[in-house]
Amino acid sequence: MAKLLSYRRGRKTQKVNQAIASIDKVNSREEAKKFIGKKVEIAFSKSSIKGVIVKAHGGRGKVVIRFRRGLPGQAMNQEIKLS
């Protein structure tokens, strides 16, 4: 399981179709790189949004996920399924 932390963003912009996530029991960049290419899915009551892990983010095991469409604000802090 993983948890969405934030949109991928800059100082004045944010990319709503990309998010930064932390994966359980992953604490280093090398461990996070093993998940690149894995598919993820976040489920809502009526629909789901699919995405893929594209790269590691930082040195503590976070990853960047690119989704097919933009994420709503309610998606932050939700758990996502890795497949």
N, C-alpha and C. Protein backbone atom coordinates (compact mmCIF):
# COMPACT_ATOMS: atom_id res chain seq x y z
N MET A 1 0.84 -1.18 0.00
CA MET A 1 0.00 0.00 0.00
C MET A 1 0.88 1.24 0.00
N ALA A 2 0.34 2.29 -0.55
CA ALA A 2 1.04 3.57 -0.60
C ALA A 2 0.05 4.67 -0.21
N LYS A 3 0.58 5.83 0.08
CA LYS A 3 -0.26 6.95 0.50
C LYS A 3 0.15 8.19 -0.27
N LEU A 4 -0.83 8.88 -0.84
CA LEU A 4 -0.56 10.12 -1.57
C LEU A 4 -0.24 11.23 -0.59
N LEU A 5 0.83 11.97 -0.85
CA LEU A 5 1.24 13.04 0.04
C LEU A 5 0.90 14.42 -0.51
N SER A 6 1.19 14.63 -1.80
CA SER A 6 1.04 15.96 -2.36
C SER A 6 1.05 15.88 -3.87
N TYR A 7 0.55 16.93 -4.51
CA TYR A 7 0.76 17.06 -5.94
C TYR A 7 2.24 17.32 -6.18
N ARG A 8 2.73 17.00 -7.38
CA ARG A 8 4.07 17.41 -7.76
C ARG A 8 3.95 18.88 -8.15
N ARG A 9 4.77 19.73 -7.54
CA ARG A 9 4.56 21.15 -7.73
C ARG A 9 5.86 21.93 -7.68
N GLY A 10 5.76 23.15 -8.16
CA GLY A 10 6.84 24.11 -8.07
C GLY A 10 6.42 25.23 -7.15
N ARG A 11 7.13 26.31 -7.23
CA ARG A 11 6.82 27.43 -6.34
C ARG A 11 5.48 28.07 -6.67
N LYS A 12 5.16 28.18 -7.95
CA LYS A 12 3.92 28.84 -8.34
C LYS A 12 3.00 27.96 -9.17
N THR A 13 3.34 26.73 -9.40
CA THR A 13 2.51 25.84 -10.22
C THR A 13 2.34 24.49 -9.52
N GLN A 14 1.34 23.76 -9.94
CA GLN A 14 1.22 22.37 -9.51
C GLN A 14 0.69 21.55 -10.66
N LYS A 15 1.17 20.32 -10.74
CA LYS A 15 0.76 19.39 -11.78
C LYS A 15 -0.26 18.45 -11.15
N VAL A 16 -1.53 18.61 -11.53
CA VAL A 16 -2.58 17.83 -10.87
C VAL A 16 -2.67 16.40 -11.37
N ASN A 17 -1.95 16.07 -12.45
CA ASN A 17 -1.96 14.67 -12.90
C ASN A 17 -0.72 13.93 -12.41
N GLN A 18 0.10 14.56 -11.56
CA GLN A 18 1.26 13.90 -10.97
C GLN A 18 1.22 14.10 -9.47
N ALA A 19 1.62 13.07 -8.73
CA ALA A 19 1.58 13.16 -7.27
C ALA A 19 2.81 12.49 -6.68
N ILE A 20 3.16 12.91 -5.48
CA ILE A 20 4.24 12.31 -4.71
C ILE A 20 3.59 11.39 -3.69
N ALA A 21 4.13 10.18 -3.57
CA ALA A 21 3.56 9.19 -2.66
C ALA A 21 4.66 8.51 -1.86
N SER A 22 4.29 8.02 -0.69
CA SER A 22 5.21 7.21 0.10
C SER A 22 4.68 5.79 0.12
N ILE A 23 5.58 4.83 -0.05
CA ILE A 23 5.22 3.42 -0.05
C ILE A 23 5.63 2.83 1.30
N ASP A 24 4.77 1.98 1.85
CA ASP A 24 5.07 1.37 3.15
C ASP A 24 6.37 0.58 3.11
N LYS A 25 7.17 0.74 4.15
CA LYS A 25 8.42 -0.01 4.36
C LYS A 25 9.47 0.26 3.30
N VAL A 26 9.42 1.40 2.63
CA VAL A 26 10.45 1.81 1.67
C VAL A 26 11.08 3.07 2.24
N ASN A 27 12.39 2.99 2.53
CA ASN A 27 13.05 4.10 3.21
C ASN A 27 14.26 4.65 2.49
N SER A 28 14.56 4.18 1.28
CA SER A 28 15.72 4.70 0.56
C SER A 28 15.39 4.86 -0.92
N ARG A 29 16.20 5.64 -1.59
CA ARG A 29 16.01 5.88 -3.01
C ARG A 29 16.19 4.59 -3.82
N GLU A 30 17.13 3.75 -3.43
CA GLU A 30 17.37 2.50 -4.15
C GLU A 30 16.17 1.55 -4.06
N GLU A 31 15.55 1.48 -2.90
CA GLU A 31 14.35 0.65 -2.75
C GLU A 31 13.20 1.21 -3.57
N ALA A 32 13.08 2.53 -3.62
CA ALA A 32 11.99 3.17 -4.37
C ALA A 32 12.15 2.94 -5.87
N LYS A 33 13.38 2.88 -6.37
CA LYS A 33 13.62 2.68 -7.80
C LYS A 33 13.11 1.32 -8.27
N LYS A 34 12.97 0.35 -7.39
CA LYS A 34 12.46 -0.98 -7.76
C LYS A 34 10.99 -0.93 -8.15
N PHE A 35 10.28 0.10 -7.75
CA PHE A 35 8.86 0.21 -8.03
C PHE A 35 8.55 0.96 -9.32
N ILE A 36 9.57 1.48 -10.00
CA ILE A 36 9.34 2.23 -11.24
C ILE A 36 8.71 1.32 -12.28
N GLY A 37 7.64 1.79 -12.91
CA GLY A 37 6.91 1.02 -13.90
C GLY A 37 5.71 0.27 -13.36
N LYS A 38 5.57 0.19 -12.03
CA LYS A 38 4.41 -0.48 -11.44
C LYS A 38 3.16 0.37 -11.63
N LYS A 39 2.05 -0.28 -11.81
CA LYS A 39 0.79 0.41 -11.99
C LYS A 39 0.11 0.60 -10.63
N VAL A 40 -0.59 1.71 -10.50
CA VAL A 40 -1.31 2.04 -9.27
C VAL A 40 -2.75 2.41 -9.62
N GLU A 41 -3.60 2.33 -8.63
CA GLU A 41 -5.00 2.68 -8.83
C GLU A 41 -5.55 3.28 -7.54
N ILE A 42 -6.23 4.40 -7.68
CA ILE A 42 -6.90 5.02 -6.55
C ILE A 42 -8.40 4.92 -6.80
N ALA A 43 -9.11 4.34 -5.85
CA ALA A 43 -10.52 4.07 -6.03
C ALA A 43 -11.37 5.09 -5.27
N PHE A 44 -12.38 5.59 -5.96
CA PHE A 44 -13.39 6.44 -5.34
C PHE A 44 -14.69 5.65 -5.32
N SER A 45 -15.76 6.26 -4.84
CA SER A 45 -17.01 5.52 -4.70
C SER A 45 -17.56 5.05 -6.05
N LYS A 46 -17.47 5.89 -7.09
CA LYS A 46 -18.06 5.52 -8.38
C LYS A 46 -17.03 5.22 -9.46
N SER A 47 -15.81 5.67 -9.29
CA SER A 47 -14.82 5.52 -10.35
C SER A 47 -13.44 5.29 -9.76
N SER A 48 -12.48 5.09 -10.63
CA SER A 48 -11.10 4.95 -10.18
C SER A 48 -10.19 5.65 -11.19
N ILE A 49 -9.02 6.05 -10.72
CA ILE A 49 -8.03 6.70 -11.57
C ILE A 49 -6.78 5.84 -11.55
N LYS A 50 -6.27 5.51 -12.74
CA LYS A 50 -5.10 4.66 -12.85
C LYS A 50 -3.88 5.50 -13.19
N GLY A 51 -2.73 5.00 -12.73
CA GLY A 51 -1.49 5.70 -13.00
C GLY A 51 -0.32 4.74 -12.97
N VAL A 52 0.88 5.30 -13.13
CA VAL A 52 2.10 4.49 -13.14
C VAL A 52 3.19 5.26 -12.39
N ILE A 53 4.03 4.52 -11.68
CA ILE A 53 5.15 5.12 -10.96
C ILE A 53 6.25 5.42 -11.98
N VAL A 54 6.70 6.67 -12.03
CA VAL A 54 7.66 7.07 -13.07
C VAL A 54 9.07 7.30 -12.56
N LYS A 55 9.23 7.71 -11.30
CA LYS A 55 10.59 7.93 -10.79
C LYS A 55 10.59 8.05 -9.28
N ALA A 56 11.79 7.95 -8.72
CA ALA A 56 11.97 8.15 -7.28
C ALA A 56 12.02 9.65 -7.01
N HIS A 57 11.67 10.03 -5.80
CA HIS A 57 11.64 11.45 -5.43
C HIS A 57 12.37 11.61 -4.10
N GLY A 58 13.53 12.24 -4.12
CA GLY A 58 14.27 12.47 -2.89
C GLY A 58 15.03 11.23 -2.45
N GLY A 59 15.59 11.28 -1.27
CA GLY A 59 16.43 10.20 -0.77
C GLY A 59 15.77 9.29 0.24
N ARG A 60 14.51 9.55 0.57
CA ARG A 60 13.86 8.78 1.64
C ARG A 60 12.77 7.85 1.16
N GLY A 61 12.79 7.48 -0.10
CA GLY A 61 11.88 6.45 -0.57
C GLY A 61 10.55 6.92 -1.10
N LYS A 62 10.40 8.18 -1.40
CA LYS A 62 9.16 8.66 -2.02
C LYS A 62 9.23 8.42 -3.52
N VAL A 63 8.07 8.36 -4.18
CA VAL A 63 8.00 8.15 -5.62
C VAL A 63 7.07 9.18 -6.26
N VAL A 64 7.26 9.40 -7.56
CA VAL A 64 6.37 10.26 -8.34
C VAL A 64 5.48 9.36 -9.17
N ILE A 65 4.17 9.60 -9.11
CA ILE A 65 3.19 8.82 -9.87
C ILE A 65 2.54 9.74 -10.88
N ARG A 66 2.46 9.29 -12.13
CA ARG A 66 1.77 10.05 -13.18
C ARG A 66 0.44 9.36 -13.44
N PHE A 67 -0.65 10.10 -13.31
CA PHE A 67 -1.99 9.57 -13.51
C PHE A 67 -2.50 9.94 -14.90
N ARG A 68 -3.52 9.21 -15.36
CA ARG A 68 -4.08 9.46 -16.69
C ARG A 68 -4.83 10.77 -16.75
N ARG A 69 -5.44 11.16 -15.67
CA ARG A 69 -6.14 12.44 -15.63
C ARG A 69 -5.86 13.09 -14.29
N GLY A 70 -6.31 14.31 -14.12
CA GLY A 70 -6.02 15.05 -12.90
C GLY A 70 -6.68 14.46 -11.67
N LEU A 71 -6.03 14.60 -10.55
CA LEU A 71 -6.57 14.11 -9.29
C LEU A 71 -7.35 15.21 -8.58
N PRO A 72 -8.46 14.86 -7.96
CA PRO A 72 -9.16 15.85 -7.15
C PRO A 72 -8.42 16.07 -5.84
N GLY A 73 -8.72 17.14 -5.17
CA GLY A 73 -8.07 17.44 -3.90
C GLY A 73 -8.37 16.40 -2.83
N GLN A 74 -9.53 15.74 -2.93
CA GLN A 74 -9.91 14.73 -1.94
C GLN A 74 -9.01 13.50 -1.99
N ALA A 75 -8.22 13.37 -3.04
CA ALA A 75 -7.35 12.21 -3.18
C ALA A 75 -6.15 12.27 -2.25
N MET A 76 -5.78 13.46 -1.81
CA MET A 76 -4.61 13.60 -0.94
C MET A 76 -4.85 12.89 0.38
N ASN A 77 -3.83 12.23 0.85
CA ASN A 77 -3.84 11.44 2.10
C ASN A 77 -4.64 10.15 2.00
N GLN A 78 -5.05 9.75 0.80
CA GLN A 78 -5.73 8.48 0.64
C GLN A 78 -4.74 7.38 0.31
N GLU A 79 -5.12 6.15 0.62
CA GLU A 79 -4.27 5.02 0.27
C GLU A 79 -4.57 4.59 -1.15
N ILE A 80 -3.53 4.10 -1.84
CA ILE A 80 -3.68 3.63 -3.21
C ILE A 80 -3.18 2.20 -3.30
N LYS A 81 -3.71 1.46 -4.28
CA LYS A 81 -3.32 0.07 -4.49
C LYS A 81 -2.21 -0.02 -5.50
N LEU A 82 -1.18 -0.81 -5.18
CA LEU A 82 -0.12 -1.11 -6.13
C LEU A 82 -0.45 -2.43 -6.81
N SER A 83 -0.23 -2.50 -8.11
CA SER A 83 -0.49 -3.77 -8.79
C SER A 83 0.65 -4.12 -9.73
